[in-house]
Amino acid sequence: MHSLGTCCKGLRFPLARFKSSSIPPKLTHVPNKYNSKSSAFNIKPQLPDGLFYHPAPSALDPEVTPKAFLPEDDPRKSSELYYPEEKTRISSNLDNMPIIFKASTPKSYTLSDKEIQEIQEMRNKGIPRREIKAKFKVSDHFINISTTPNPETLAKHQKKLEQAVRRWDSRTKNAKLIKLKQEILWKRDM
């Protein structure tokens, strides 16, 4: 038998009547409007009607520290008696945990002048950045600050910019001119 109840803001919600000894059903995870794996951090909950037991996602007891956070020399870490339900708790909730992406490998920025020249030559030949990054294990930012762009690529970009400028109307040209003047004034104040 269902009835309607009100919360503190006056909203009405359905209540399920339970026997005094019965426990409300438990929600294992929050039903999401979107895909639960790809949108794990964008939760739009769609909760069913009625009362459900859905505890906060925290440790049951603030006195208990999970074994992963204990130092290696702590005797509680190797003890089977300390926090024994941790394994079952983790294994039962593993499907509902968000995917943790693989950490990126650290980049090396200690390249010799010879290697930087080789990067510049590869860039002048038009070799894609992903190949340069894979070979030298550097980032796009390092390639930008250590080398100059391919002149042909610069000419292509300049041509595209000129074509875009030709399509501007008078209001856009005035706005860009004002922005350029502001930038010059800002640089003078520095």
Protein backbone atom coordinates (compact mmCIF):
# COMPACT_ATOMS: atom_id res chain seq x y z
CA MET A 1 0.00 0.00 0.00
CA HIS A 2 1.42 3.38 -0.99
CA SER A 3 0.68 6.82 0.37
CA LEU A 4 1.99 10.30 -0.32
CA GLY A 5 4.29 12.09 2.09
CA THR A 6 5.77 15.58 2.13
CA CYS A 7 9.34 16.66 2.62
CA CYS A 8 10.63 19.87 4.25
CA LYS A 9 10.10 21.93 1.06
CA GLY A 10 6.46 20.87 0.70
CA LEU A 11 7.11 18.54 -2.24
CA ARG A 12 5.04 15.40 -2.33
CA PHE A 13 6.62 12.01 -2.83
CA PRO A 14 5.26 8.46 -2.62
CA LEU A 15 5.99 6.51 0.52
CA ALA A 16 5.89 2.75 0.70
CA ARG A 17 4.49 1.35 3.89
CA PHE A 18 6.68 -1.19 5.59
CA LYS A 19 6.10 -3.50 8.46
CA SER A 20 7.90 -2.39 11.57
CA SER A 21 10.41 -5.26 11.25
CA SER A 22 11.04 -4.96 7.50
CA ILE A 23 13.94 -3.05 6.02
CA PRO A 24 13.50 -0.90 2.90
CA PRO A 25 15.07 -2.29 -0.28
CA LYS A 26 18.70 -1.30 -0.90
CA LEU A 27 19.93 0.59 -3.97
CA THR A 28 23.33 -0.81 -5.00
CA HIS A 29 24.06 2.19 -7.23
CA VAL A 30 22.40 5.40 -8.35
CA PRO A 31 20.34 4.75 -11.51
CA ASN A 32 21.75 7.19 -14.05
CA LYS A 33 20.06 8.93 -16.97
CA TYR A 34 23.21 8.39 -19.06
CA ASN A 35 25.57 5.47 -19.65
CA SER A 36 26.94 4.56 -16.22
CA LYS A 37 30.46 3.81 -17.49
CA SER A 38 31.15 6.63 -19.93
CA SER A 39 29.26 9.24 -17.87
CA ALA A 40 30.33 8.17 -14.39
CA PHE A 41 31.16 11.73 -13.36
CA ASN A 42 28.03 13.27 -14.96
CA ILE A 43 25.35 11.69 -12.82
CA LYS A 44 21.78 12.64 -13.64
CA PRO A 45 19.98 10.36 -11.17
CA GLN A 46 16.66 8.75 -12.03
CA LEU A 47 15.59 7.34 -8.71
CA PRO A 48 12.59 5.03 -8.53
CA ASP A 49 9.52 6.01 -6.50
CA GLY A 50 9.37 5.02 -2.88
CA LEU A 51 11.79 4.64 0.01
CA PHE A 52 15.15 2.98 -0.47
CA TYR A 53 18.18 2.39 1.69
CA HIS A 54 21.07 4.21 -0.02
CA PRO A 55 23.87 5.02 2.46
CA ALA A 56 26.50 7.69 1.86
CA PRO A 57 29.59 6.43 -0.03
CA SER A 58 31.92 6.54 2.94
CA ALA A 59 33.46 4.22 5.49
CA LEU A 60 31.03 2.88 8.06
CA ASP A 61 33.19 3.99 10.93
CA PRO A 62 35.47 7.06 10.82
CA GLU A 63 37.81 5.22 13.18
CA VAL A 64 38.53 2.61 10.47
CA THR A 65 41.22 3.52 7.94
CA PRO A 66 41.18 1.48 4.71
CA LYS A 67 44.28 -0.70 4.36
CA ALA A 68 45.34 1.08 1.16
CA PHE A 69 45.95 4.27 3.19
CA LEU A 70 47.95 2.63 5.95
CA PRO A 71 51.77 2.83 5.91
CA GLU A 72 53.68 -0.33 4.97
CA ASP A 73 55.11 -0.82 8.48
CA ASP A 74 51.68 -0.58 10.16
CA PRO A 75 50.74 -3.96 11.75
CA ARG A 76 47.05 -3.41 10.87
CA LYS A 77 47.85 -3.61 7.14
CA SER A 78 48.83 -7.29 7.25
CA SER A 79 46.28 -8.28 9.91
CA GLU A 80 43.29 -10.36 8.79
CA LEU A 81 41.33 -9.20 11.86
CA TYR A 82 41.52 -5.48 11.06
CA TYR A 83 38.67 -4.39 8.76
CA PRO A 84 37.91 -7.90 7.38
CA GLU A 85 34.86 -6.78 5.37
CA GLU A 86 37.01 -4.51 3.16
CA LYS A 87 37.61 -7.21 0.49
CA THR A 88 33.93 -8.15 0.18
CA ARG A 89 32.90 -4.49 0.15
CA ILE A 90 35.33 -3.68 -2.68
CA SER A 91 34.47 -6.75 -4.75
CA SER A 92 30.71 -6.16 -4.42
CA ASN A 93 31.00 -2.51 -5.52
CA LEU A 94 33.66 -2.98 -8.19
CA ASP A 95 31.12 -2.88 -11.04
CA ASN A 96 29.80 0.50 -9.85
CA MET A 97 33.21 2.17 -9.54
CA PRO A 98 34.26 4.62 -12.30
CA ILE A 99 37.04 3.68 -14.68
CA ILE A 100 40.41 5.13 -13.75
CA PHE A 101 42.41 5.97 -16.83
CA LYS A 102 46.01 4.91 -17.18
CA ALA A 103 48.37 7.61 -15.99
CA SER A 104 50.46 9.14 -18.74
CA THR A 105 54.13 8.27 -18.85
CA PRO A 106 56.46 11.03 -17.65
CA LYS A 107 57.89 13.13 -20.44
CA SER A 108 61.62 13.64 -20.92
CA TYR A 109 62.74 17.20 -21.57
CA THR A 110 66.47 16.58 -21.36
CA LEU A 111 67.28 16.33 -25.06
CA SER A 112 70.60 17.22 -26.59
CA ASP A 113 71.06 19.87 -29.27
CA LYS A 114 71.50 17.11 -31.84
CA GLU A 115 68.12 15.58 -30.94
CA ILE A 116 66.41 18.98 -31.11
CA GLN A 117 67.94 19.55 -34.55
CA GLU A 118 66.59 16.14 -35.61
CA ILE A 119 63.12 17.15 -34.36
CA GLN A 120 63.41 20.39 -36.38
CA GLU A 121 64.40 18.45 -39.51
CA MET A 122 61.46 16.05 -39.04
CA ARG A 123 59.14 19.01 -38.61
CA ASN A 124 60.49 20.69 -41.75
CA LYS A 125 59.89 17.48 -43.73
CA GLY A 126 56.24 17.51 -42.63
CA ILE A 127 56.39 14.38 -40.45
CA PRO A 128 53.31 14.22 -38.17
CA ARG A 129 53.69 15.31 -34.55
CA ARG A 130 52.50 11.96 -33.19
CA GLU A 131 55.54 10.28 -34.76
CA ILE A 132 57.88 12.91 -33.30
CA LYS A 133 56.23 12.56 -29.88
CA ALA A 134 56.47 8.76 -29.99
CA LYS A 135 60.12 8.74 -31.05
CA PHE A 136 61.44 11.29 -28.55
CA LYS A 137 58.79 10.92 -25.81
CA VAL A 138 58.08 14.66 -25.65
CA SER A 139 54.89 16.72 -25.56
CA ASP A 140 53.38 19.07 -28.13
CA HIS A 141 54.38 21.97 -25.89
CA PHE A 142 58.05 20.95 -25.95
CA ILE A 143 57.98 20.64 -29.75
CA ASN A 144 56.49 24.15 -29.96
CA ILE A 145 59.07 25.81 -27.70
CA SER A 146 62.13 24.01 -29.04
CA THR A 147 61.49 24.21 -32.80
CA THR A 148 59.95 26.51 -35.41
CA PRO A 149 57.01 25.48 -37.57
CA ASN A 150 57.35 24.22 -41.13
CA PRO A 151 57.36 27.28 -43.48
CA GLU A 152 54.88 25.60 -45.85
CA THR A 153 52.46 24.98 -42.98
CA LEU A 154 52.80 28.61 -41.85
CA ALA A 155 52.02 29.80 -45.40
CA LYS A 156 48.89 27.58 -45.53
CA HIS A 157 47.65 28.92 -42.18
CA GLN A 158 48.34 32.50 -43.23
CA LYS A 159 46.38 31.98 -46.45
CA LYS A 160 43.40 30.56 -44.49
CA LEU A 161 43.51 33.55 -42.12
CA GLU A 162 43.52 35.99 -45.03
CA GLN A 163 40.51 34.22 -46.58
CA ALA A 164 38.66 34.45 -43.26
CA VAL A 165 39.46 38.17 -42.94
CA ARG A 166 38.02 38.81 -46.41
CA ARG A 167 34.69 37.32 -45.31
CA TRP A 168 34.35 39.64 -42.27
CA ASP A 169 31.68 42.34 -42.36
CA SER A 170 32.33 45.94 -41.23
CA ARG A 171 31.20 45.33 -37.62
CA THR A 172 33.61 42.40 -37.20
CA LYS A 173 36.48 44.42 -38.70
CA ASN A 174 35.78 47.30 -36.30
CA ALA A 175 35.59 44.94 -33.31
CA LYS A 176 38.92 43.29 -34.26
CA LEU A 177 40.53 46.72 -34.73
CA ILE A 178 39.33 47.85 -31.28
CA LYS A 179 40.64 44.63 -29.74
CA LEU A 180 44.03 45.14 -31.42
CA LYS A 181 44.21 48.72 -30.09
CA GLN A 182 43.35 47.50 -26.58
CA GLU A 183 46.09 44.89 -26.78
CA ILE A 184 48.65 47.53 -27.82
CA LEU A 185 47.59 49.74 -24.90
CA TRP A 186 47.82 46.83 -22.44
CA LYS A 187 51.34 46.06 -23.65
CA ARG A 188 52.41 49.70 -23.19
CA ASP A 189 51.25 49.66 -19.55
CA MET A 190 53.41 46.61 -18.80
